[in-house]
Protein backbone atom coordinates (compact mmCIF):
# COMPACT_ATOMS: atom_id res chain seq x y z
CA MET A 1 -5.02 -58.76 -52.45
CA LYS A 2 -2.85 -55.74 -51.49
CA LYS A 3 -4.13 -55.69 -47.97
CA ALA A 4 -3.49 -59.39 -47.61
CA PHE A 5 0.05 -59.03 -49.15
CA ARG A 6 0.81 -56.02 -46.72
CA ALA A 7 -0.67 -57.97 -43.76
CA ALA A 8 1.60 -60.91 -44.55
CA THR A 9 4.81 -58.94 -45.21
CA THR A 10 4.43 -57.05 -41.97
CA SER A 11 3.53 -59.97 -39.84
CA LEU A 12 5.92 -60.47 -37.06
CA TRP A 13 4.73 -64.07 -36.65
CA LEU A 14 5.53 -64.90 -40.28
CA ILE A 15 9.11 -63.31 -40.01
CA LEU A 16 9.79 -65.15 -36.92
CA LEU A 17 8.71 -68.51 -38.61
CA VAL A 18 10.78 -67.80 -41.82
CA ALA A 19 13.97 -66.85 -39.78
CA LEU A 20 13.41 -70.03 -37.58
CA LEU A 21 13.15 -72.31 -40.62
CA LEU A 22 16.08 -70.82 -42.20
CA ARG A 23 18.20 -71.28 -39.22
CA VAL A 24 16.90 -74.78 -38.54
CA GLY A 25 17.34 -75.63 -42.24
CA PHE A 26 20.97 -74.75 -42.18
CA LEU A 27 21.52 -76.74 -39.02
CA TRP A 28 20.12 -79.84 -40.67
CA GLN A 29 22.23 -79.26 -43.71
CA TYR A 30 25.34 -78.52 -41.62
CA GLN A 31 24.94 -81.78 -39.47
CA HIS A 32 24.31 -83.69 -42.66
CA ASP A 33 27.37 -82.41 -44.46
CA HIS A 34 29.84 -83.01 -41.55
CA PRO A 35 30.64 -86.09 -39.50
CA ARG A 36 28.98 -86.45 -36.13
CA GLN A 37 32.08 -87.01 -34.26
CA ALA A 38 33.54 -83.81 -35.78
CA VAL A 39 30.62 -81.57 -34.87
CA SER A 40 30.30 -83.08 -31.44
CA VAL A 41 33.79 -81.97 -30.58
CA VAL A 42 35.35 -79.31 -32.95
CA PRO A 43 32.86 -76.49 -32.20
CA PHE A 44 33.63 -76.71 -28.46
CA LEU A 45 37.51 -76.72 -28.72
CA PHE A 46 37.82 -72.96 -28.10
CA GLU A 47 37.90 -70.89 -24.96
CA SER A 48 34.19 -70.79 -24.19
CA GLY A 49 33.80 -74.59 -24.87
CA ASN A 50 36.88 -75.46 -22.62
CA ILE A 51 35.74 -73.26 -19.72
CA ALA A 52 32.27 -74.98 -20.13
CA HIS A 53 33.78 -78.33 -19.88
CA SER A 54 35.85 -77.32 -16.87
CA LEU A 55 32.64 -76.22 -15.21
CA ALA A 56 30.63 -79.35 -16.15
CA ILE A 57 33.26 -81.88 -14.80
CA GLY A 58 33.38 -79.75 -11.57
CA GLN A 59 36.72 -78.00 -11.87
CA GLY A 60 35.28 -74.40 -11.82
CA PHE A 61 35.48 -71.49 -14.20
CA ALA A 62 38.96 -72.58 -15.36
CA SER A 63 41.27 -74.00 -18.12
CA PRO A 64 40.52 -72.22 -21.40
CA PHE A 65 43.12 -74.13 -23.51
CA ARG A 66 41.94 -77.73 -23.16
CA VAL A 67 44.61 -78.46 -20.43
CA ASN A 68 44.29 -77.82 -16.71
CA THR A 69 45.65 -74.23 -16.34
CA GLY A 70 43.62 -73.23 -13.19
CA PRO A 71 41.10 -70.38 -12.67
CA THR A 72 40.51 -68.03 -15.40
CA ALA A 73 38.52 -64.65 -16.05
CA TRP A 74 39.18 -64.97 -19.84
CA MET A 75 35.73 -64.14 -20.60
CA PRO A 76 32.49 -63.09 -18.79
CA PRO A 77 30.56 -65.98 -17.24
CA VAL A 78 27.22 -66.23 -18.78
CA TYR A 79 27.80 -68.19 -22.00
CA PRO A 80 30.29 -70.64 -20.64
CA VAL A 81 27.78 -71.39 -17.85
CA LEU A 82 25.06 -71.85 -20.40
CA LEU A 83 27.33 -74.29 -22.35
CA ALA A 84 28.21 -76.06 -19.20
CA ALA A 85 24.49 -76.61 -18.31
CA ILE A 86 24.11 -78.07 -21.90
CA PHE A 87 27.04 -80.41 -21.27
CA GLN A 88 25.62 -81.59 -17.92
CA ILE A 89 22.36 -82.36 -19.53
CA PHE A 90 23.57 -84.04 -22.80
CA GLY A 91 27.03 -84.93 -21.82
CA PRO A 92 30.42 -83.14 -22.81
CA TYR A 93 31.35 -83.44 -26.47
CA THR A 94 28.38 -85.23 -27.63
CA PHE A 95 26.34 -84.70 -30.86
CA ASN A 96 23.17 -83.95 -28.76
CA SER A 97 25.13 -81.22 -26.91
CA PHE A 98 26.17 -79.73 -30.48
CA LEU A 99 22.40 -79.71 -31.45
CA ALA A 100 21.27 -78.17 -28.15
CA ALA A 101 23.87 -75.47 -28.21
CA ALA A 102 23.12 -74.73 -31.77
CA LEU A 103 19.41 -74.53 -31.10
CA VAL A 104 19.84 -72.12 -28.27
CA ASN A 105 21.96 -69.90 -30.57
CA ILE A 106 19.36 -70.19 -33.29
CA PHE A 107 16.50 -69.37 -30.83
CA CYS A 108 18.37 -66.35 -29.74
CA ALA A 109 19.05 -65.13 -33.31
CA THR A 110 15.30 -65.87 -34.18
CA LEU A 111 14.00 -63.97 -31.25
CA ALA A 112 16.24 -60.79 -32.05
CA CYS A 113 13.43 -60.25 -34.67
CA ILE A 114 11.17 -59.03 -32.01
CA PRO A 115 13.04 -56.06 -30.54
CA ILE A 116 14.32 -55.11 -34.05
CA PHE A 117 10.59 -54.85 -35.07
CA PHE A 118 9.25 -52.83 -32.34
CA ALA A 119 12.39 -50.53 -32.17
CA GLY A 120 11.85 -49.94 -35.95
CA LYS A 121 8.13 -49.38 -35.53
CA ARG A 122 8.81 -46.74 -32.90
CA ILE A 123 11.53 -44.86 -34.93
CA ALA A 124 10.40 -45.11 -38.49
CA GLY A 125 7.01 -46.81 -38.81
CA LEU A 126 5.59 -50.36 -39.68
CA SER A 127 7.11 -50.49 -43.10
CA ALA A 128 10.69 -50.00 -41.99
CA ALA A 129 10.07 -52.12 -38.86
CA SER A 130 9.05 -55.17 -41.00
CA THR A 131 11.82 -54.50 -43.52
CA ALA A 132 14.39 -54.56 -40.68
CA ALA A 133 13.06 -57.82 -39.17
CA TRP A 134 12.95 -59.50 -42.72
CA LEU A 135 16.54 -58.41 -43.29
CA TRP A 136 17.65 -59.82 -40.03
CA ALA A 137 15.71 -63.17 -40.80
CA ILE A 138 17.59 -63.62 -44.07
CA PHE A 139 20.81 -62.10 -42.93
CA PRO A 140 23.45 -64.87 -43.85
CA ASN A 141 25.80 -64.03 -40.88
CA ALA A 142 22.78 -64.53 -38.63
CA ILE A 143 21.98 -67.80 -40.21
CA LEU A 144 25.60 -69.25 -40.35
CA ILE A 145 27.20 -68.03 -36.95
CA PRO A 146 24.53 -69.56 -34.78
CA VAL A 147 25.30 -73.08 -36.05
CA GLU A 148 29.10 -72.76 -36.67
CA SER A 149 30.23 -70.65 -33.68
CA MET A 150 29.77 -71.75 -30.13
CA TRP A 151 30.39 -68.28 -28.80
CA ASP A 152 28.11 -65.54 -27.22
CA ALA A 153 27.57 -63.69 -30.56
CA SER A 154 23.87 -64.77 -31.11
CA LEU A 155 22.93 -64.27 -27.49
CA SER A 156 24.66 -60.87 -27.54
CA ALA A 157 22.77 -59.85 -30.85
CA LEU A 158 19.44 -60.49 -28.88
CA LEU A 159 20.60 -58.65 -26.00
CA VAL A 160 21.77 -55.66 -27.99
CA ALA A 161 18.56 -55.42 -29.94
CA THR A 162 16.61 -55.56 -26.72
CA ILE A 163 18.82 -52.94 -25.17
CA PHE A 164 18.34 -50.61 -28.19
CA TRP A 165 14.37 -51.14 -28.15
CA ALA A 166 14.46 -50.58 -24.28
CA THR A 167 16.66 -47.51 -24.54
CA ILE A 168 14.25 -45.64 -27.04
CA ALA A 169 11.26 -46.84 -25.05
CA LEU A 170 12.75 -45.57 -21.78
CA ALA A 171 13.20 -42.08 -23.11
CA LYS A 172 9.65 -41.29 -22.15
CA SER A 173 9.37 -43.39 -18.95
CA GLN A 174 9.66 -42.18 -15.39
CA ARG A 175 8.66 -45.53 -13.83
CA PHE A 176 11.30 -46.83 -11.49
CA ARG A 177 10.47 -50.43 -12.43
CA ASN A 178 11.31 -49.80 -16.02
CA TRP A 179 14.74 -48.24 -15.14
CA ALA A 180 15.39 -51.02 -12.83
CA ALA A 181 14.67 -53.61 -15.58
CA TYR A 182 17.13 -51.51 -17.75
CA GLY A 183 19.80 -51.85 -15.26
CA PHE A 184 19.31 -55.68 -14.90
CA LEU A 185 19.34 -56.03 -18.76
CA TRP A 186 22.61 -54.24 -18.99
CA GLY A 187 24.11 -56.07 -16.03
CA PHE A 188 23.19 -59.46 -17.69
CA THR A 189 24.46 -58.15 -21.03
CA LEU A 190 27.91 -57.14 -19.61
CA LEU A 191 28.32 -60.60 -18.11
CA THR A 192 27.77 -62.03 -21.54
CA ASN A 193 29.73 -59.44 -23.63
CA ALA A 194 32.04 -57.04 -21.95
CA THR A 195 32.92 -55.15 -25.07
CA LEU A 196 29.49 -53.56 -24.95
CA MET A 197 30.42 -51.53 -21.97
CA ALA A 198 31.69 -48.74 -24.24
CA LEU A 199 28.05 -48.07 -25.16
CA LEU A 200 26.54 -47.92 -21.70
CA PRO A 201 27.63 -44.47 -20.77
CA LEU A 202 26.78 -42.99 -24.05
CA LEU A 203 23.15 -44.41 -23.98
CA LEU A 204 22.66 -43.26 -20.38
CA ALA A 205 24.02 -39.65 -21.39
CA TRP A 206 21.31 -39.80 -24.30
CA LEU A 207 18.69 -40.70 -21.81
CA ALA A 208 19.63 -37.92 -19.55
CA TYR A 209 19.69 -35.49 -22.47
CA SER A 210 16.30 -36.64 -23.55
CA ALA A 211 14.95 -36.10 -20.07
CA HIS A 212 16.43 -32.69 -19.98
CA LYS A 213 14.76 -31.67 -23.39
CA GLN A 214 11.46 -32.77 -21.88
CA ASN A 215 12.04 -30.88 -18.59
CA ARG A 216 11.97 -34.31 -16.79
CA LYS A 217 14.13 -35.22 -13.77
CA CYS A 218 15.93 -38.48 -14.23
CA LEU A 219 19.02 -38.32 -11.94
CA GLY A 220 17.35 -40.73 -9.45
CA ASN A 221 16.39 -43.12 -12.34
CA LEU A 222 19.80 -43.15 -13.79
CA ALA A 223 21.48 -43.61 -10.53
CA LEU A 224 19.05 -46.77 -9.95
CA SER A 225 19.98 -48.26 -13.34
CA VAL A 226 23.79 -47.83 -12.63
CA ALA A 227 23.51 -49.24 -9.22
CA ILE A 228 21.75 -52.31 -10.56
CA VAL A 229 24.37 -52.75 -13.19
CA LEU A 230 27.22 -52.53 -10.65
CA LEU A 231 25.39 -54.89 -8.29
CA CYS A 232 24.86 -57.40 -11.15
CA CYS A 233 28.46 -57.36 -12.07
CA ALA A 234 29.89 -57.23 -8.40
CA PRO A 235 29.72 -61.01 -7.64
CA TRP A 236 31.83 -61.70 -10.71
CA THR A 237 34.27 -59.01 -9.91
CA ILE A 238 34.63 -60.13 -6.26
CA ARG A 239 35.26 -63.75 -7.39
CA ASN A 240 37.97 -62.34 -9.64
CA TYR A 241 39.70 -60.40 -6.99
CA LYS A 242 39.63 -63.59 -4.73
CA VAL A 243 41.19 -65.61 -7.23
CA PHE A 244 43.63 -63.16 -8.86
CA HIS A 245 44.20 -60.93 -5.79
CA THR A 246 43.77 -57.89 -8.19
CA PHE A 247 40.85 -55.84 -9.85
CA VAL A 248 39.54 -57.72 -12.86
CA PRO A 249 36.10 -56.26 -13.40
CA LEU A 250 34.70 -58.41 -16.28
CA ARG A 251 37.32 -60.20 -18.26
CA SER A 252 41.06 -60.51 -18.51
CA GLY A 253 41.74 -61.37 -22.24
CA LEU A 254 42.07 -57.86 -23.70
CA GLY A 255 45.98 -57.79 -23.42
CA LEU A 256 46.41 -61.06 -25.44
CA GLN A 257 43.88 -59.91 -28.16
CA LEU A 258 45.63 -56.58 -28.54
CA TRP A 259 49.04 -58.34 -28.80
CA LEU A 260 47.70 -60.80 -31.43
CA GLY A 261 46.66 -58.10 -33.58
CA ASN A 262 49.69 -55.87 -33.16
CA ASN A 263 53.19 -57.48 -33.39
CA ASP A 264 55.92 -58.15 -35.83
CA ASN A 265 54.26 -61.11 -37.13
CA THR A 266 50.73 -59.90 -37.48
CA GLN A 267 49.01 -60.28 -40.81
CA ASP A 268 46.41 -58.54 -42.79
CA ILE A 269 44.02 -61.50 -42.10
CA PHE A 270 44.23 -62.69 -38.61
CA ARG A 271 46.02 -66.09 -38.09
CA ALA A 272 45.90 -67.63 -34.75
CA GLU A 273 49.12 -69.52 -34.71
CA ARG A 274 50.64 -67.61 -31.74
CA HIS A 275 47.45 -67.91 -29.69
CA PRO A 276 48.16 -70.09 -26.38
CA ILE A 277 45.49 -72.50 -27.47
CA TYR A 278 47.72 -73.50 -30.45
CA ASP A 279 51.16 -72.26 -29.56
CA ALA A 280 52.85 -74.63 -26.86
CA ALA A 281 55.42 -71.91 -25.98
CA GLU A 282 52.92 -69.18 -25.35
CA ARG A 283 50.79 -71.64 -23.37
CA ALA A 284 53.85 -72.56 -21.20
CA GLN A 285 54.37 -68.85 -20.63
CA TYR A 286 50.83 -68.28 -19.56
CA ILE A 287 51.02 -71.04 -17.27
CA GLN A 288 54.29 -69.98 -15.80
CA THR A 289 53.52 -66.34 -15.20
CA GLY A 290 49.79 -66.56 -14.42
CA GLU A 291 46.88 -65.10 -16.24
CA VAL A 292 46.84 -61.54 -15.10
CA ALA A 293 50.68 -60.96 -15.42
CA TYR A 294 50.53 -62.65 -18.77
CA MET A 295 47.88 -60.35 -20.07
CA HIS A 296 49.64 -57.31 -18.63
CA GLU A 297 52.86 -58.23 -20.41
CA LYS A 298 50.99 -58.82 -23.84
CA GLN A 299 49.25 -55.47 -23.48
CA THR A 300 52.49 -53.57 -22.57
CA THR A 301 54.24 -55.17 -25.57
CA ALA A 302 51.45 -54.48 -27.96
CA VAL A 303 51.02 -50.80 -26.97
CA HIS A 304 54.80 -50.24 -27.37
CA TYR A 305 54.51 -51.78 -30.93
CA MET A 306 51.46 -49.68 -31.77
CA LEU A 307 53.22 -46.41 -30.68
CA SER A 308 56.55 -47.24 -32.34
CA HIS A 309 55.13 -48.44 -35.74
CA PRO A 310 52.60 -45.79 -36.77
CA ALA A 311 52.56 -46.39 -40.49
CA ARG A 312 52.20 -50.22 -39.91
CA GLU A 313 49.32 -49.49 -37.45
CA THR A 314 47.47 -47.25 -39.96
CA HIS A 315 47.77 -50.07 -42.40
CA LEU A 316 46.60 -52.59 -39.96
CA VAL A 317 43.59 -50.53 -38.68
CA THR A 318 42.41 -49.67 -42.06
CA ARG A 319 42.52 -53.43 -42.95
CA ARG A 320 40.59 -54.16 -39.96
CA ILE A 321 37.97 -51.60 -40.63
CA ILE A 322 37.44 -53.20 -44.23
CA SER A 323 37.31 -56.75 -42.69
CA PHE A 324 34.78 -55.70 -39.95
CA TRP A 325 32.31 -54.25 -42.48
CA SER A 326 33.02 -56.75 -45.41
CA GLY A 327 32.30 -59.83 -43.22
CA GLY A 328 35.77 -61.01 -42.62
CA THR A 329 38.01 -60.03 -45.61
CA PRO A 330 40.45 -57.06 -45.92
CA THR A 331 40.31 -57.29 -49.75
CA PRO A 332 36.69 -57.54 -50.64
CA LEU A 333 36.82 -56.47 -54.33
CA LYS A 334 39.74 -58.89 -55.13
CA ASP A 335 38.00 -61.82 -53.32
CA PHE A 336 34.59 -61.02 -54.92
CA LEU A 337 36.26 -61.36 -58.31
CA ASN A 338 38.58 -64.21 -57.75
CA VAL A 339 36.68 -66.58 -55.31
CA ASP A 340 34.47 -68.82 -57.43
CA SER A 341 31.54 -69.22 -55.06
CA THR A 342 28.17 -67.66 -55.57
CA TRP A 343 27.29 -68.10 -51.86
CA PHE A 344 30.52 -66.23 -50.79
CA ARG A 345 29.66 -63.34 -53.23
CA PHE A 346 26.21 -63.13 -51.84
CA VAL A 347 27.50 -62.95 -48.19
CA LEU A 348 30.16 -60.43 -49.16
CA LEU A 349 27.55 -58.26 -50.96
CA PHE A 350 25.09 -58.43 -48.12
CA ASN A 351 27.72 -57.37 -45.65
CA LEU A 352 28.78 -54.55 -47.61
CA LEU A 353 25.27 -53.38 -48.55
CA ALA A 354 24.52 -53.47 -44.89
CA ALA A 355 27.31 -51.40 -43.89
CA SER A 356 26.55 -48.84 -46.64
CA GLY A 357 22.83 -48.83 -45.69
CA ALA A 358 23.58 -48.33 -42.13
CA LEU A 359 25.57 -45.16 -42.88
CA LEU A 360 22.69 -43.81 -45.20
CA GLY A 361 20.14 -44.77 -42.47
CA ALA A 362 21.93 -42.65 -39.78
CA ILE A 363 22.18 -39.76 -42.24
CA PHE A 364 18.48 -39.90 -43.03
CA LEU A 365 17.65 -39.93 -39.28
CA ILE A 366 19.72 -36.89 -38.85
CA ARG A 367 18.30 -35.07 -41.73
CA ARG A 368 14.76 -35.75 -40.42
CA GLY A 369 15.69 -34.46 -37.00
CA SER A 370 14.85 -37.72 -35.34
CA PRO A 371 15.83 -37.83 -31.72
CA PHE A 372 16.92 -41.43 -32.22
CA TRP A 373 19.75 -40.89 -34.56
CA PHE A 374 22.25 -40.87 -31.73
CA PRO A 375 21.41 -44.05 -29.96
CA ALA A 376 21.23 -45.83 -33.40
CA ALA A 377 24.49 -44.30 -34.72
CA ILE A 378 26.74 -45.00 -31.74
CA PHE A 379 26.58 -48.75 -32.17
CA PRO A 380 28.40 -48.82 -35.54
CA LEU A 381 30.47 -45.85 -34.61
CA VAL A 382 31.70 -46.77 -31.10
CA PHE A 383 31.51 -50.57 -30.86
CA PRO A 384 33.80 -51.61 -33.58
CA TRP A 385 36.92 -49.71 -32.27
CA ALA A 386 37.82 -52.40 -29.84
CA TYR A 387 38.34 -54.59 -32.84
CA TYR A 388 39.82 -52.05 -34.99
CA LEU A 389 42.65 -51.81 -32.57
CA SER A 390 43.06 -55.54 -32.01
CA LEU A 391 41.78 -58.16 -34.40
CA VAL A 392 38.52 -58.84 -36.47
CA LEU A 393 36.69 -62.12 -36.77
CA PRO A 394 33.15 -62.35 -38.74
CA ARG A 395 31.37 -63.17 -35.27
CA TYR A 396 32.47 -59.88 -33.72
CA ARG A 397 30.20 -57.82 -35.67
CA LEU A 398 27.01 -59.84 -35.05
CA PRO A 399 26.04 -58.42 -31.74
CA ILE A 400 25.47 -54.86 -33.42
CA ASP A 401 24.05 -56.21 -36.73
CA PRO A 402 20.36 -55.93 -35.54
CA VAL A 403 20.95 -52.25 -35.28
CA ILE A 404 22.92 -52.08 -38.56
CA LEU A 405 19.99 -53.80 -40.41
CA LEU A 406 17.49 -51.45 -38.82
CA LEU A 407 19.43 -48.43 -40.07
CA THR A 408 19.74 -50.09 -43.39
CA ALA A 409 15.93 -50.71 -43.36
CA ILE A 410 15.31 -47.07 -42.61
CA ALA A 411 17.63 -46.02 -45.42
CA LEU A 412 15.70 -48.28 -47.88
CA GLU A 413 12.32 -46.83 -46.59
CA SER A 414 13.56 -43.28 -47.16
CA LEU A 415 14.91 -44.03 -50.62
CA PHE A 416 11.61 -45.76 -51.61
CA ARG A 417 9.51 -42.89 -50.16
CA GLY A 418 11.66 -40.32 -51.98
CA LYS A 419 11.16 -42.08 -55.30
CA HIS A 420 7.41 -42.39 -54.63
CA VAL A 421 7.17 -38.63 -53.87
CA VAL A 422 8.97 -37.90 -57.09
CA ARG A 423 6.54 -40.15 -59.08
CA LEU A 424 3.62 -38.38 -57.52
CA ASN A 425 5.03 -34.93 -58.18
CA ASN A 426 5.74 -35.74 -61.93
CA ALA A 427 2.26 -37.16 -62.25
């Protein structure tokens, strides 16, 4: 019985099945609870859906605000192109398009169990690997967001989990084919989520250090990976230069995001009233000045505000850090006590425990002398700063949550093993 139970709990196929059923079950409940007309339209009325609609009707990569504003580089192209393909097959703003887009997100979120499992197995063994995959399978954010949010978060989570697995596997590889595949993986990822760029040089530096420790040459392999990343991103960058007559490597939206999180009207909880998609005056300014000039102006204004209001900035950054790790609220204790919802409390606790577990997991890896502590730790340490300094939404953390939950699983495995050793010693 023990062997059968262990075989079941460590079965990747069972974990994948449960993860898929939970997400499909939530999709069924979600579409049952909301009018079909609403779910056919509302989830797509944001930048990714608007650009996808523009692509689907033949107007190109353009118009992120539901009106014809011309070409854009608001976000990298992969996810809007994916939504546009769904629109072309099932029709723009239809119930079938919603189901198709949600199912694509669900399959991405489900498949993320695979790289999580194999990365965990390489780092800490089968027990930690299966625990990490189970945590991801039942992680509420990874169940809710694929259905409720038509953004790249679910695809980005799959790509990040795969990058992490590939990075630790590549540490002992000298095959050009593997390093070339790593470059293609990163190129596709950056064309999906440009914020992950901050992690690329750090992971490449760790790979170089690992090769040095093993007395292996890796300069050629590193150069190959970097060259392929640049080649993957070059067509999009060239398109942006032709359209805007200036260098826009991956996306143009940083200036607005920085300004929305740093101005006189910024609140502890992000409110989007001044976003051009809602604010007619801001939208008119965007159209009049052009996207690149508009973003540059917003960035300049935001940086000036941040430098001239250090106390306020400290407060805002602190609130954003709390929001990022609590799942979206800057006052988790107050909300836990006051919000009369068992589900909300469960989601809040899961997020906070995952954040604490990630910290403990990184500490345990360092104490063990594991060579993998650095590539694991930089995801929670480095990636969030783009949002600490601008604004935080629950979906922003999902791309790195596979690594967060893997670190949490390592912490749980280490704590359990420690207690088991104590019991054996006492016996």
